[in-house]
Protein backbone atom coordinates (compact mmCIF):
# COMPACT_ATOMS: atom_id res chain seq x y z
CA MET A 1 95.53 102.50 113.49
CA THR A 2 96.38 104.97 116.26
CA LEU A 3 100.08 104.48 115.59
CA LEU A 4 99.66 105.17 111.88
CA ILE A 5 97.61 108.31 112.48
CA ALA A 6 100.14 109.68 114.96
CA VAL A 7 103.12 108.87 112.71
CA PHE A 8 101.50 110.48 109.66
CA ALA A 9 100.66 113.60 111.69
CA ALA A 10 104.23 113.73 113.01
CA GLU A 11 105.72 113.33 109.54
CA ILE A 12 103.49 116.00 107.99
CA CYS A 13 104.17 118.38 110.85
CA THR A 14 107.92 117.78 110.68
CA ILE A 15 108.00 118.40 106.92
CA LEU A 16 106.09 121.66 107.39
CA TRP A 17 108.43 122.72 110.18
CA TYR A 18 111.53 121.89 108.14
CA LYS A 19 110.44 123.59 104.91
CA SER A 20 108.92 126.76 106.30
CA GLY A 21 110.61 129.48 108.31
CA SER A 22 107.25 130.90 109.32
CA ALA A 23 106.30 127.49 110.73
CA ARG A 24 109.28 127.74 113.06
CA GLU A 25 108.10 131.18 114.12
CA MET A 26 104.62 129.76 114.79
CA LYS A 27 106.07 127.15 117.20
CA VAL A 28 105.25 124.16 114.97
CA GLY A 29 108.26 122.40 116.49
CA ILE A 30 106.34 122.00 119.73
CA LEU A 31 103.52 120.37 117.78
CA CYS A 32 106.07 118.03 116.17
CA TRP A 33 107.34 116.99 119.61
CA MET A 34 103.79 116.22 120.73
CA PHE A 35 103.06 114.12 117.63
CA TRP A 36 106.37 112.23 117.84
CA GLY A 37 105.76 111.63 121.55
CA ALA A 38 102.30 110.25 120.78
CA SER A 39 103.86 108.05 118.08
CA LEU A 40 106.32 106.60 120.60
CA MET A 41 103.49 106.01 123.05
CA TRP A 42 101.41 104.15 120.45
CA LEU A 43 104.48 102.16 119.37
CA GLY A 44 104.90 100.93 122.94
CA ASP A 45 101.20 100.09 123.04
CA ALA A 46 101.48 98.16 119.76
CA ILE A 47 104.46 96.16 121.01
CA PHE A 48 102.69 95.10 124.18
CA GLU A 49 99.44 94.37 122.34
CA TYR A 50 101.29 92.23 119.79
CA ALA A 51 103.01 90.34 122.61
CA GLU A 52 99.58 89.55 124.02
CA LEU A 53 97.63 88.77 120.83
CA ARG A 54 100.34 87.50 118.43
CA GLU A 55 98.89 86.92 114.93
CA ALA A 56 95.42 88.11 115.99
CA TYR A 57 96.95 91.58 116.26
CA PHE A 58 97.02 91.82 112.45
CA SER A 59 93.31 91.08 111.97
CA PRO A 60 91.38 93.54 114.14
CA SER A 61 87.61 93.72 114.05
CA PRO A 62 85.95 96.64 112.25
CA ALA A 63 84.64 97.94 115.58
CA SER A 64 88.15 97.90 117.02
CA MET A 65 89.52 99.73 113.98
CA LEU A 66 86.79 102.39 114.25
CA ASN A 67 87.54 102.80 117.95
CA ASP A 68 91.26 103.18 117.19
CA LEU A 69 90.46 105.72 114.46
CA PHE A 70 88.46 107.86 116.88
CA LEU A 71 91.17 107.55 119.52
CA GLY A 72 93.89 108.57 117.05
CA LEU A 73 91.90 111.55 115.79
CA SER A 74 91.14 112.57 119.38
CA THR A 75 94.85 112.50 120.16
CA ILE A 76 95.58 114.72 117.16
CA ALA A 77 92.77 117.11 118.11
CA LEU A 78 94.05 117.38 121.70
CA ALA A 79 97.60 118.10 120.52
CA LEU A 80 96.30 120.77 118.13
CA ALA A 81 94.22 122.35 120.92
CA ILE A 82 97.25 122.47 123.25
CA TRP A 83 99.39 123.96 120.47
CA LEU A 84 96.74 126.56 119.68
CA ALA A 85 96.46 127.56 123.34
CA LEU A 86 100.24 127.86 123.54
CA LEU A 87 100.28 129.88 120.34
CA LEU A 88 97.67 132.29 121.71
CA VAL A 89 99.62 132.72 124.95
CA LYS A 90 103.04 133.18 123.29
CA ASP A 91 101.56 135.31 120.46
CA PRO A 92 104.68 135.21 118.22
CA LYS A 93 103.32 137.69 115.67
CA GLY A 94 101.69 140.01 118.22
CA VAL A 95 98.20 139.63 116.74
CA VAL A 96 96.41 138.96 120.02
CA ARG A 97 98.27 141.79 121.77
CA ALA A 98 97.38 144.19 118.95
CA GLN A 99 93.69 143.27 119.17
CA LEU A 100 93.61 143.60 122.96
CA PHE A 101 95.24 147.04 123.00
CA LYS A 102 93.54 148.36 119.86
CA LYS A 103 92.13 151.83 120.39
CA GLY A 104 88.62 152.46 119.66
């Protein structure tokens, strides 16, 4: 479940980055790298878990699936928070700078 969530997030992010010039300006490429990196991490986890569980890997318990769902969503939320912090620091459109130095 975590692998699927990360891959879907990476694919959606990559499509947005590819189709939109403003997405490139907003540093969406960095978000893509984070999602693809998470996807590779979960792929490695899935390979090792399958090696351990074999056919039981394909029939997880509902509690395990819910746990994986929360973990996947937490990973996406953390990546979005890091990207947002980076976006506020880099300030590609100058919005934060304009608000900070706005006169009176």
